[in-house]
Amino acid sequence: MGSSASPTRRSTGAGNFNGFQNALPGVPEPSSWALMVGGFGLIGGLARRRRDERAGANAGR
């Protein structure tokens, strides 16, 4: 299987050549950005919580 983003040739008439046009993916939607930032925040919060739990368990020794 190959990539679907392959260059294509476009011609608008006899002898007119526009060159190559790449089919590139669009810019992510704001909801996609919000979901990604929220996921990073959740992962960061969990990592901080685990670090705090380990520090509390080691302090009692």
Protein backbone atom coordinates (compact mmCIF):
# COMPACT_ATOMS: atom_id res chain seq x y z
CA MET A 1 0.00 0.00 0.00
CA GLY A 2 1.31 3.44 -0.86
CA SER A 3 0.65 6.92 0.35
CA SER A 4 -2.50 8.66 -0.80
CA ALA A 5 -0.66 12.01 -0.94
CA SER A 6 0.83 11.68 -4.41
CA PRO A 7 1.52 14.58 -6.77
CA THR A 8 -0.90 14.95 -9.66
CA ARG A 9 -0.61 16.80 -12.95
CA ARG A 10 -3.20 19.36 -13.90
CA SER A 11 -3.74 20.79 -17.34
CA THR A 12 -6.20 23.55 -18.18
CA GLY A 13 -6.08 23.23 -21.93
CA ALA A 14 -3.85 22.69 -24.95
CA GLY A 15 -0.30 23.48 -23.88
CA ASN A 16 -1.22 24.99 -20.50
CA PHE A 17 0.54 23.18 -17.68
CA ASN A 18 0.16 24.25 -14.05
CA GLY A 19 2.86 21.97 -12.62
CA PHE A 20 2.40 19.60 -9.72
CA GLN A 21 -0.12 19.89 -6.93
CA ASN A 22 0.40 17.90 -3.73
CA ALA A 23 -2.62 16.65 -1.82
CA LEU A 24 -1.65 17.59 1.76
CA PRO A 25 -3.72 17.04 4.89
CA GLY A 26 -5.53 20.05 6.32
CA VAL A 27 -4.97 21.93 9.55
CA PRO A 28 -6.39 20.18 12.65
CA GLU A 29 -9.70 21.51 13.93
CA PRO A 30 -9.85 23.40 17.25
CA SER A 31 -11.65 20.47 18.89
CA SER A 32 -8.72 18.21 17.96
CA TRP A 33 -6.29 20.65 19.57
CA ALA A 34 -8.45 20.85 22.71
CA LEU A 35 -8.59 17.06 22.97
CA MET A 36 -4.82 16.78 22.58
CA VAL A 37 -4.07 19.49 25.17
CA GLY A 38 -6.58 17.92 27.59
CA GLY A 39 -4.92 14.53 27.17
CA PHE A 40 -1.49 15.97 27.88
CA GLY A 41 -2.89 17.69 30.98
CA LEU A 42 -4.41 14.44 32.21
CA ILE A 43 -1.17 12.52 31.70
CA GLY A 44 0.81 15.27 33.45
CA GLY A 45 -1.62 15.27 36.39
CA LEU A 46 -1.39 11.51 36.77
CA ALA A 47 2.42 11.61 36.64
CA ARG A 48 2.49 14.31 39.31
CA ARG A 49 0.07 12.38 41.52
CA ARG A 50 2.16 9.21 41.28
CA ARG A 51 5.33 11.15 42.10
CA ASP A 52 3.67 12.67 45.18
CA GLU A 53 2.43 9.24 46.33
CA ARG A 54 5.94 7.78 46.07
CA ALA A 55 7.43 10.69 47.99
CA GLY A 56 4.87 10.22 50.78
CA ALA A 57 5.54 6.47 51.02
CA ASN A 58 9.31 6.98 51.23
CA ALA A 59 9.02 9.72 53.87
CA GLY A 60 7.60 7.29 56.46
CA ARG A 61 10.65 5.01 56.39
